[in-house]
Amino acid sequence: MRLLISLLVIAYFVGVGVVLAPTIKANWSTGPASQFAESVATELPRALAWPAAVYRSIAEKPSAPEKR
């Protein structure tokens, strides 16, 4: 059970990193550290909610079963 929970936590944090990667890449060396931290902090709520965004994108596809 610990292994399963560990894998889920690792997958969650990898997903957060994947969502934040474009922001970090775009702002890494373009401005001061305060601007970098501000841009990451702005994107952090969206990054932490990536499972909900993935679920919505899957549920809204036409190939998904109809909701009753």
C-alpha atoms as a PDB file:
ATOM      1  CA  MET A   1       0.000   0.000   0.000  1.00  0.00           C
ATOM      2  CA  ARG A   2       2.878   2.355   0.767  1.00  0.00           C
ATOM      3  CA  LEU A   3       4.329   1.649  -2.642  1.00  0.00           C
ATOM      4  CA  LEU A   4       1.070   2.546  -4.372  1.00  0.00           C
ATOM      5  CA  ILE A   5       0.742   5.791  -2.435  1.00  0.00           C
ATOM      6  CA  SER A   6       4.377   6.622  -3.179  1.00  0.00           C
ATOM      7  CA  LEU A   7       3.875   6.038  -6.890  1.00  0.00           C
ATOM      8  CA  LEU A   8       0.765   8.222  -6.931  1.00  0.00           C
ATOM      9  CA  VAL A   9       2.583  11.049  -5.145  1.00  0.00           C
ATOM     10  CA  ILE A  10       5.540  10.782  -7.505  1.00  0.00           C
ATOM     11  CA  ALA A  11       3.247  10.815 -10.552  1.00  0.00           C
ATOM     12  CA  TYR A  12       1.433  13.861  -9.163  1.00  0.00           C
ATOM     13  CA  PHE A  13       4.659  15.810  -8.677  1.00  0.00           C
ATOM     14  CA  VAL A  14       5.945  14.800 -12.107  1.00  0.00           C
ATOM     15  CA  GLY A  15       2.695  16.150 -13.555  1.00  0.00           C
ATOM     16  CA  VAL A  16       3.164  19.422 -11.671  1.00  0.00           C
ATOM     17  CA  GLY A  17       6.659  19.690 -13.130  1.00  0.00           C
ATOM     18  CA  VAL A  18       5.386  18.997 -16.632  1.00  0.00           C
ATOM     19  CA  VAL A  19       2.763  21.734 -16.330  1.00  0.00           C
ATOM     20  CA  LEU A  20       5.274  24.239 -14.925  1.00  0.00           C
ATOM     21  CA  ALA A  21       8.029  23.393 -17.439  1.00  0.00           C
ATOM     22  CA  PRO A  22       6.985  25.891 -20.165  1.00  0.00           C
ATOM     23  CA  THR A  23       6.762  28.715 -17.620  1.00  0.00           C
ATOM     24  CA  ILE A  24      10.129  27.867 -16.129  1.00  0.00           C
ATOM     25  CA  LYS A  25      11.756  27.539 -19.548  1.00  0.00           C
ATOM     26  CA  ALA A  26      10.355  30.862 -20.757  1.00  0.00           C
ATOM     27  CA  ASN A  27      11.308  32.825 -17.642  1.00  0.00           C
ATOM     28  CA  TRP A  28      14.509  31.138 -16.473  1.00  0.00           C
ATOM     29  CA  SER A  29      16.984  33.717 -17.730  1.00  0.00           C
ATOM     30  CA  THR A  30      14.812  36.514 -19.102  1.00  0.00           C
ATOM     31  CA  GLY A  31      14.462  38.640 -15.977  1.00  0.00           C
ATOM     32  CA  PRO A  32      15.178  38.998 -12.306  1.00  0.00           C
ATOM     33  CA  ALA A  33      14.497  36.278  -9.773  1.00  0.00           C
ATOM     34  CA  SER A  34      11.460  38.121  -8.435  1.00  0.00           C
ATOM     35  CA  GLN A  35       9.822  38.083 -11.868  1.00  0.00           C
ATOM     36  CA  PHE A  36      10.629  34.383 -12.226  1.00  0.00           C
ATOM     37  CA  ALA A  37       9.119  33.593  -8.822  1.00  0.00           C
ATOM     38  CA  GLU A  38       6.043  35.662  -9.650  1.00  0.00           C
ATOM     39  CA  SER A  39       5.448  33.820 -12.927  1.00  0.00           C
ATOM     40  CA  VAL A  40       5.851  30.422 -11.259  1.00  0.00           C
ATOM     41  CA  ALA A  41       3.544  31.459  -8.409  1.00  0.00           C
ATOM     42  CA  THR A  42       0.952  32.612 -10.948  1.00  0.00           C
ATOM     43  CA  GLU A  43       0.982  29.231 -12.720  1.00  0.00           C
ATOM     44  CA  LEU A  44       1.188  27.113  -9.571  1.00  0.00           C
ATOM     45  CA  PRO A  45      -2.582  26.767  -8.924  1.00  0.00           C
ATOM     46  CA  ARG A  46      -3.139  25.517 -12.484  1.00  0.00           C
ATOM     47  CA  ALA A  47      -0.189  23.158 -12.147  1.00  0.00           C
ATOM     48  CA  LEU A  48      -1.461  21.714  -8.877  1.00  0.00           C
ATOM     49  CA  ALA A  49      -4.878  21.095 -10.446  1.00  0.00           C
ATOM     50  CA  TRP A  50      -3.549  19.135 -13.434  1.00  0.00           C
ATOM     51  CA  PRO A  51      -5.456  15.922 -12.565  1.00  0.00           C
ATOM     52  CA  ALA A  52      -8.767  17.804 -12.815  1.00  0.00           C
ATOM     53  CA  ALA A  53      -7.767  19.315 -16.160  1.00  0.00           C
ATOM     54  CA  VAL A  54      -6.827  15.896 -17.526  1.00  0.00           C
ATOM     55  CA  TYR A  55     -10.101  14.416 -16.312  1.00  0.00           C
ATOM     56  CA  ARG A  56     -12.116  17.217 -17.925  1.00  0.00           C
ATOM     57  CA  SER A  57     -10.272  16.841 -21.218  1.00  0.00           C
ATOM     58  CA  ILE A  58     -10.991  13.108 -21.244  1.00  0.00           C
ATOM     59  CA  ALA A  59     -14.619  13.484 -20.145  1.00  0.00           C
ATOM     60  CA  GLU A  60     -15.414  16.118 -22.786  1.00  0.00           C
ATOM     61  CA  LYS A  61     -14.256  14.036 -25.748  1.00  0.00           C
ATOM     62  CA  PRO A  62     -17.032  12.793 -28.028  1.00  0.00           C
ATOM     63  CA  SER A  63     -15.767   9.218 -27.709  1.00  0.00           C
ATOM     64  CA  ALA A  64     -16.448   9.268 -23.972  1.00  0.00           C
ATOM     65  CA  PRO A  65     -19.557   7.453 -22.777  1.00  0.00           C
ATOM     66  CA  GLU A  66     -22.615   9.599 -22.219  1.00  0.00           C
ATOM     67  CA  LYS A  67     -23.380  10.809 -18.723  1.00  0.00           C
ATOM     68  CA  ARG A  68     -26.699   9.713 -17.272  1.00  0.00           C
END
